[in-house]
Amino acid sequence: MIDKIKNIILKKDKKIEIFISHWNEEKLLAEWLKKFLIEENDSVSCFCSSRDIEIGEWRKRIEEKARETNIALLMLSPFSKANEWILYESGIVYGANKNNLIVPVLFGGAKI
């Protein structure tokens, strides 16, 4: 799986759309990850639902971004693993395009 992710992200000739799903309480880490990925490859575009959505348009915007994405990163900590929102967003991303790569990003001692 790591090789598949590297191959997608390192392709500089193709626009890469990354959907970062996270618990709102951990948005600073998600925003740091977004900044890091964009700085590493200028063909990467990242979407963070806690930052990139206006109030009242969340469902439409998430569905739109889910259709555009290549990779979904699910930010999972011991606290966020039980968060239904991350499961909801991952379901939307998978349903929008079954070829999307959905990757759990474990941190803070989280285990699968």
Foldseek 3Di string as FASTA:
>chain_A
DVVVVCVQLVPQVAAAEEEEEEDLVPVVVVVVVQVVSCVVHVSYHYDYLNPPDDPPCSVVVLLVSLLVHQEYEYEDEVVCVPPVRSVVSVVSSCVNPVNRHYHYDYDNPDDD
